[in-house]
Amino acid sequence: MRKEDYTAIKKAVEEAGFFTTFDPDGEGGVWIVPVTRFTEGRLHGNGFRVSLKAGRWYLFTWLPAYYLIPPGADLPALCLDCLRASRSPFPKVPADIAGRYGLVEMSEGEFDDAYRGIGNA
């Protein structure tokens, strides 16, 4: 996992006036966390995590709700649509956005297995 894998998302999010941060996930990977606001030295507002693991992209909310992002999805546009959908964190990706990008909602167990490379999820 390299920060370079996230360059297009980071650039699009920041050029649109939002913010990003990178955070290790404890599994040798990295999350990019796009958020809507930055004030007094802290990030807040709507935010979620996006991560690339074993060639697959995932988006997860703070609920958490887990999604597999299908190959070929426009990741920068997806992140921007999610950020613009609400000023506050949402528990799940809005249905219209999930449908538009073909996101596949996963259970926590399915996500854990897929993210750690177990099974065929």
N, C-alpha and C. Protein backbone atom coordinates (compact mmCIF):
# COMPACT_ATOMS: atom_id res chain seq x y z
N MET A 1 0.84 -1.17 0.00
CA MET A 1 0.00 0.00 0.00
C MET A 1 0.89 1.23 0.00
N ARG A 2 0.62 2.11 -0.92
CA ARG A 2 1.42 3.32 -1.03
C ARG A 2 0.52 4.54 -1.09
N LYS A 3 1.00 5.61 -0.52
CA LYS A 3 0.23 6.85 -0.58
C LYS A 3 -0.02 7.27 -2.02
N GLU A 4 0.89 6.91 -2.91
CA GLU A 4 0.75 7.29 -4.33
C GLU A 4 -0.53 6.72 -4.94
N ASP A 5 -1.00 5.60 -4.40
CA ASP A 5 -2.23 5.00 -4.92
C ASP A 5 -3.44 5.91 -4.71
N TYR A 6 -3.32 6.87 -3.81
CA TYR A 6 -4.43 7.73 -3.42
C TYR A 6 -4.32 9.14 -4.02
N THR A 7 -3.33 9.37 -4.84
CA THR A 7 -3.04 10.72 -5.33
C THR A 7 -4.24 11.36 -6.03
N ALA A 8 -4.89 10.65 -6.92
CA ALA A 8 -6.01 11.23 -7.69
C ALA A 8 -7.16 11.61 -6.76
N ILE A 9 -7.45 10.77 -5.77
CA ILE A 9 -8.53 11.08 -4.83
C ILE A 9 -8.15 12.31 -4.01
N LYS A 10 -6.96 12.31 -3.45
CA LYS A 10 -6.50 13.42 -2.62
C LYS A 10 -6.54 14.73 -3.40
N LYS A 11 -6.04 14.71 -4.61
CA LYS A 11 -5.99 15.92 -5.43
C LYS A 11 -7.40 16.44 -5.71
N ALA A 12 -8.30 15.57 -6.14
CA ALA A 12 -9.67 16.00 -6.48
C ALA A 12 -10.40 16.53 -5.25
N VAL A 13 -10.26 15.85 -4.13
CA VAL A 13 -10.94 16.26 -2.91
C VAL A 13 -10.44 17.62 -2.45
N GLU A 14 -9.13 17.79 -2.43
CA GLU A 14 -8.56 19.05 -1.95
C GLU A 14 -8.80 20.20 -2.92
N GLU A 15 -8.77 19.93 -4.23
CA GLU A 15 -9.07 20.98 -5.20
C GLU A 15 -10.52 21.45 -5.12
N ALA A 16 -11.40 20.56 -4.63
CA ALA A 16 -12.82 20.92 -4.48
C ALA A 16 -13.08 21.65 -3.15
N GLY A 17 -12.03 21.87 -2.37
CA GLY A 17 -12.18 22.62 -1.13
C GLY A 17 -12.40 21.78 0.11
N PHE A 18 -12.26 20.47 -0.02
CA PHE A 18 -12.39 19.57 1.13
C PHE A 18 -10.99 19.20 1.62
N PHE A 19 -10.92 18.29 2.55
CA PHE A 19 -9.65 17.96 3.18
C PHE A 19 -9.44 16.45 3.21
N THR A 20 -8.18 16.03 3.34
CA THR A 20 -7.87 14.61 3.44
C THR A 20 -6.79 14.42 4.50
N THR A 21 -6.74 13.21 5.00
CA THR A 21 -5.65 12.80 5.87
C THR A 21 -5.38 11.33 5.59
N PHE A 22 -4.16 10.92 5.82
CA PHE A 22 -3.79 9.51 5.68
C PHE A 22 -3.65 8.92 7.06
N ASP A 23 -4.03 7.67 7.20
CA ASP A 23 -3.99 7.02 8.49
C ASP A 23 -3.67 5.55 8.27
N PRO A 24 -2.67 5.00 8.97
CA PRO A 24 -2.41 3.56 8.84
C PRO A 24 -3.58 2.77 9.40
N ASP A 25 -3.84 1.62 8.82
CA ASP A 25 -4.98 0.82 9.28
C ASP A 25 -4.58 -0.33 10.18
N GLY A 26 -3.30 -0.45 10.51
CA GLY A 26 -2.85 -1.53 11.38
C GLY A 26 -2.63 -2.84 10.67
N GLU A 27 -2.96 -2.91 9.42
CA GLU A 27 -2.79 -4.13 8.63
C GLU A 27 -1.79 -3.92 7.51
N GLY A 28 -0.95 -2.92 7.63
CA GLY A 28 0.04 -2.64 6.60
C GLY A 28 -0.51 -1.80 5.47
N GLY A 29 -1.70 -1.28 5.63
CA GLY A 29 -2.32 -0.47 4.59
C GLY A 29 -2.50 0.95 5.04
N VAL A 30 -3.17 1.71 4.21
CA VAL A 30 -3.40 3.12 4.48
C VAL A 30 -4.85 3.43 4.17
N TRP A 31 -5.44 4.31 4.96
CA TRP A 31 -6.75 4.86 4.63
C TRP A 31 -6.55 6.29 4.21
N ILE A 32 -7.35 6.74 3.29
CA ILE A 32 -7.47 8.17 3.07
C ILE A 32 -8.83 8.54 3.66
N VAL A 33 -8.86 9.61 4.41
CA VAL A 33 -10.09 10.03 5.05
C VAL A 33 -10.46 11.40 4.50
N PRO A 34 -11.38 11.46 3.54
CA PRO A 34 -11.85 12.76 3.06
C PRO A 34 -12.86 13.33 4.06
N VAL A 35 -12.76 14.61 4.35
CA VAL A 35 -13.69 15.26 5.27
C VAL A 35 -14.09 16.63 4.74
N THR A 36 -15.20 17.14 5.25
CA THR A 36 -15.74 18.39 4.72
C THR A 36 -15.12 19.63 5.33
N ARG A 37 -14.69 19.58 6.60
CA ARG A 37 -14.24 20.81 7.25
C ARG A 37 -12.96 20.61 8.05
N PHE A 38 -12.22 21.70 8.20
CA PHE A 38 -11.02 21.74 9.02
C PHE A 38 -11.02 23.08 9.73
N THR A 39 -11.18 23.05 11.03
CA THR A 39 -11.15 24.30 11.82
C THR A 39 -10.38 24.07 13.10
N GLU A 40 -9.68 25.09 13.50
CA GLU A 40 -8.91 25.07 14.74
C GLU A 40 -8.08 23.81 14.88
N GLY A 41 -7.44 23.41 13.80
CA GLY A 41 -6.52 22.28 13.83
C GLY A 41 -7.14 20.90 13.84
N ARG A 42 -8.45 20.80 13.60
CA ARG A 42 -9.04 19.47 13.57
C ARG A 42 -9.98 19.29 12.39
N LEU A 43 -10.04 18.07 11.94
CA LEU A 43 -10.94 17.69 10.85
C LEU A 43 -12.28 17.28 11.46
N HIS A 44 -13.37 17.69 10.83
CA HIS A 44 -14.70 17.30 11.30
C HIS A 44 -15.69 17.48 10.17
N GLY A 45 -16.94 17.12 10.46
CA GLY A 45 -17.97 17.17 9.44
C GLY A 45 -18.16 15.80 8.82
N ASN A 46 -18.67 15.78 7.62
CA ASN A 46 -18.88 14.53 6.90
C ASN A 46 -17.52 13.93 6.56
N GLY A 47 -17.37 12.66 6.79
CA GLY A 47 -16.13 11.99 6.44
C GLY A 47 -16.35 10.49 6.38
N PHE A 48 -15.42 9.80 5.77
CA PHE A 48 -15.49 8.36 5.61
C PHE A 48 -14.08 7.90 5.26
N ARG A 49 -13.88 6.61 5.20
CA ARG A 49 -12.56 6.07 4.87
C ARG A 49 -12.61 5.37 3.52
N VAL A 50 -11.53 5.49 2.78
CA VAL A 50 -11.37 4.80 1.51
C VAL A 50 -10.04 4.09 1.56
N SER A 51 -10.02 2.83 1.16
CA SER A 51 -8.79 2.07 1.25
C SER A 51 -8.66 1.11 0.08
N LEU A 52 -7.42 0.91 -0.34
CA LEU A 52 -7.08 -0.06 -1.38
C LEU A 52 -6.38 -1.23 -0.70
N LYS A 53 -6.91 -2.41 -0.90
CA LYS A 53 -6.31 -3.60 -0.29
C LYS A 53 -6.40 -4.74 -1.29
N ALA A 54 -5.27 -5.34 -1.58
CA ALA A 54 -5.21 -6.49 -2.50
C ALA A 54 -5.89 -6.18 -3.84
N GLY A 55 -5.68 -4.97 -4.35
CA GLY A 55 -6.19 -4.59 -5.65
C GLY A 55 -7.66 -4.19 -5.67
N ARG A 56 -8.31 -4.15 -4.51
CA ARG A 56 -9.72 -3.78 -4.44
C ARG A 56 -9.88 -2.54 -3.58
N TRP A 57 -10.78 -1.66 -4.01
CA TRP A 57 -11.06 -0.44 -3.26
C TRP A 57 -12.28 -0.65 -2.38
N TYR A 58 -12.22 -0.09 -1.18
CA TYR A 58 -13.30 -0.16 -0.21
C TYR A 58 -13.61 1.23 0.31
N LEU A 59 -14.87 1.45 0.65
CA LEU A 59 -15.30 2.67 1.32
C LEU A 59 -16.03 2.21 2.57
N PHE A 60 -15.73 2.85 3.68
CA PHE A 60 -16.47 2.53 4.89
C PHE A 60 -16.74 3.79 5.68
N THR A 61 -17.95 3.80 6.25
CA THR A 61 -18.43 4.94 7.02
C THR A 61 -18.10 4.71 8.49
N TRP A 62 -18.42 5.69 9.31
CA TRP A 62 -18.10 5.60 10.74
C TRP A 62 -19.12 4.78 11.51
N LEU A 63 -20.21 4.32 10.88
CA LEU A 63 -21.22 3.51 11.59
C LEU A 63 -20.59 2.28 12.23
N PRO A 64 -19.88 1.40 11.63
CA PRO A 64 -19.44 1.44 10.25
C PRO A 64 -20.37 0.66 9.31
N ALA A 65 -20.42 1.14 8.06
CA ALA A 65 -21.04 0.41 6.96
C ALA A 65 -19.92 0.21 5.94
N TYR A 66 -19.84 -0.96 5.37
CA TYR A 66 -18.73 -1.34 4.49
C TYR A 66 -19.21 -1.53 3.06
N TYR A 67 -18.40 -1.06 2.11
CA TYR A 67 -18.75 -1.18 0.70
C TYR A 67 -17.54 -1.58 -0.11
N LEU A 68 -17.76 -2.49 -1.05
CA LEU A 68 -16.77 -2.81 -2.07
C LEU A 68 -17.06 -1.88 -3.24
N ILE A 69 -16.03 -1.20 -3.71
CA ILE A 69 -16.17 -0.31 -4.86
C ILE A 69 -15.79 -1.13 -6.09
N PRO A 70 -16.66 -1.21 -7.08
CA PRO A 70 -16.35 -2.06 -8.24
C PRO A 70 -15.19 -1.50 -9.06
N PRO A 71 -14.47 -2.39 -9.73
CA PRO A 71 -13.37 -1.94 -10.61
C PRO A 71 -13.90 -0.94 -11.64
N GLY A 72 -13.11 0.06 -11.92
CA GLY A 72 -13.46 1.05 -12.93
C GLY A 72 -14.30 2.21 -12.42
N ALA A 73 -14.73 2.14 -11.16
CA ALA A 73 -15.52 3.25 -10.61
C ALA A 73 -14.65 4.51 -10.55
N ASP A 74 -15.26 5.64 -10.76
CA ASP A 74 -14.57 6.93 -10.69
C ASP A 74 -14.43 7.31 -9.22
N LEU A 75 -13.30 6.95 -8.62
CA LEU A 75 -13.10 7.15 -7.19
C LEU A 75 -13.14 8.61 -6.76
N PRO A 76 -12.46 9.51 -7.47
CA PRO A 76 -12.55 10.92 -7.06
C PRO A 76 -13.99 11.44 -7.10
N ALA A 77 -14.74 11.10 -8.14
CA ALA A 77 -16.14 11.56 -8.24
C ALA A 77 -16.99 10.95 -7.14
N LEU A 78 -16.78 9.68 -6.83
CA LEU A 78 -17.50 9.03 -5.75
C LEU A 78 -17.26 9.76 -4.42
N CYS A 79 -15.99 10.03 -4.12
CA CYS A 79 -15.67 10.72 -2.88
C CYS A 79 -16.30 12.11 -2.83
N LEU A 80 -16.24 12.83 -3.93
CA LEU A 80 -16.83 14.17 -3.96
C LEU A 80 -18.35 14.11 -3.81
N ASP A 81 -19.01 13.16 -4.46
CA ASP A 81 -20.46 13.03 -4.32
C ASP A 81 -20.82 12.70 -2.87
N CYS A 82 -20.04 11.85 -2.22
CA CYS A 82 -20.31 11.52 -0.82
C CYS A 82 -20.10 12.74 0.08
N LEU A 83 -19.04 13.49 -0.15
CA LEU A 83 -18.77 14.67 0.66
C LEU A 83 -19.85 15.73 0.48
N ARG A 84 -20.34 15.87 -0.73
CA ARG A 84 -21.36 16.89 -1.02
C ARG A 84 -22.75 16.47 -0.55
N ALA A 85 -22.93 15.19 -0.23
CA ALA A 85 -24.26 14.68 0.15
C ALA A 85 -24.70 15.16 1.52
N SER A 86 -23.75 15.51 2.39
CA SER A 86 -24.11 15.90 3.74
C SER A 86 -22.95 16.62 4.40
N ARG A 87 -23.26 17.57 5.27
CA ARG A 87 -22.21 18.24 6.04
C ARG A 87 -21.83 17.43 7.28
N SER A 88 -22.68 16.48 7.66
CA SER A 88 -22.45 15.63 8.82
C SER A 88 -22.19 14.20 8.34
N PRO A 89 -21.49 13.42 9.14
CA PRO A 89 -21.26 12.02 8.75
C PRO A 89 -22.57 11.28 8.54
N PHE A 90 -22.62 10.46 7.52
CA PHE A 90 -23.80 9.65 7.30
C PHE A 90 -23.49 8.21 7.71
N PRO A 91 -24.51 7.50 8.25
CA PRO A 91 -24.26 6.13 8.68
C PRO A 91 -24.02 5.18 7.50
N LYS A 92 -24.71 5.44 6.41
CA LYS A 92 -24.55 4.64 5.19
C LYS A 92 -24.44 5.58 4.01
N VAL A 93 -23.80 5.12 2.96
CA VAL A 93 -23.75 5.91 1.73
C VAL A 93 -25.17 6.05 1.20
N PRO A 94 -25.58 7.26 0.85
CA PRO A 94 -26.93 7.44 0.32
C PRO A 94 -27.20 6.48 -0.85
N ALA A 95 -28.41 5.95 -0.88
CA ALA A 95 -28.77 4.91 -1.86
C ALA A 95 -28.54 5.36 -3.30
N ASP A 96 -28.82 6.63 -3.62
CA ASP A 96 -28.64 7.06 -5.00
C ASP A 96 -27.15 7.05 -5.39
N ILE A 97 -26.29 7.40 -4.46
CA ILE A 97 -24.84 7.39 -4.74
C ILE A 97 -24.34 5.95 -4.83
N ALA A 98 -24.78 5.11 -3.89
CA ALA A 98 -24.37 3.70 -3.92
C ALA A 98 -24.78 3.06 -5.24
N GLY A 99 -26.00 3.35 -5.70
CA GLY A 99 -26.48 2.79 -6.96
C GLY A 99 -25.72 3.32 -8.16
N ARG A 100 -25.47 4.62 -8.17
CA ARG A 100 -24.77 5.26 -9.28
C ARG A 100 -23.39 4.65 -9.50
N TYR A 101 -22.70 4.31 -8.42
CA TYR A 101 -21.33 3.80 -8.53
C TYR A 101 -21.25 2.28 -8.38
N GLY A 102 -22.38 1.63 -8.20
CA GLY A 102 -22.40 0.17 -8.10
C GLY A 102 -21.75 -0.36 -6.84
N LEU A 103 -21.82 0.41 -5.74
CA LEU A 103 -21.21 -0.04 -4.49
C LEU A 103 -21.92 -1.28 -3.99
N VAL A 104 -21.16 -2.21 -3.47
CA VAL A 104 -21.71 -3.45 -2.93
C VAL A 104 -21.55 -3.41 -1.41
N GLU A 105 -22.69 -3.29 -0.71
CA GLU A 105 -22.62 -3.26 0.76
C GLU A 105 -22.24 -4.65 1.27
N MET A 106 -21.39 -4.65 2.27
CA MET A 106 -20.88 -5.89 2.84
C MET A 106 -21.17 -5.92 4.33
N SER A 107 -21.31 -7.12 4.87
CA SER A 107 -21.41 -7.23 6.32
C SER A 107 -20.00 -7.02 6.90
N GLU A 108 -19.94 -6.81 8.20
CA GLU A 108 -18.63 -6.62 8.84
C GLU A 108 -17.75 -7.86 8.64
N GLY A 109 -18.34 -9.04 8.76
CA GLY A 109 -17.59 -10.29 8.56
C GLY A 109 -17.08 -10.43 7.13
N GLU A 110 -17.94 -10.12 6.16
CA GLU A 110 -17.51 -10.18 4.75
C GLU A 110 -16.38 -9.19 4.49
N PHE A 111 -16.53 -7.99 5.05
CA PHE A 111 -15.48 -6.99 4.87
C PHE A 111 -14.19 -7.45 5.51
N ASP A 112 -14.26 -7.93 6.75
CA ASP A 112 -13.04 -8.39 7.43
C ASP A 112 -12.34 -9.48 6.63
N ASP A 113 -13.11 -10.44 6.14
CA ASP A 113 -12.52 -11.52 5.35
C ASP A 113 -11.89 -11.00 4.06
N ALA A 114 -12.63 -10.15 3.34
CA ALA A 114 -12.13 -9.63 2.07
C ALA A 114 -10.91 -8.74 2.30
N TYR A 115 -10.98 -7.89 3.31
CA TYR A 115 -9.91 -6.92 3.56
C TYR A 115 -8.62 -7.62 4.02
N ARG A 116 -8.78 -8.74 4.68
CA ARG A 116 -7.61 -9.48 5.14
C ARG A 116 -7.19 -10.57 4.17
N GLY A 117 -7.93 -10.66 3.04
CA GLY A 117 -7.54 -11.62 2.00
C GLY A 117 -8.02 -13.02 2.24
N ILE A 118 -9.12 -13.19 2.99
CA ILE A 118 -9.66 -14.50 3.28
C ILE A 118 -10.92 -14.69 2.43
N GLY A 119 -11.06 -15.82 1.82
CA GLY A 119 -12.29 -16.12 1.07
C GLY A 119 -12.31 -15.41 -0.27
N ASN A 120 -13.51 -15.39 -0.86
CA ASN A 120 -13.68 -14.87 -2.22
C ASN A 120 -14.50 -13.59 -2.27
N ALA A 121 -14.76 -12.96 -1.15
CA ALA A 121 -15.60 -11.76 -1.14
C ALA A 121 -15.01 -10.67 -1.95
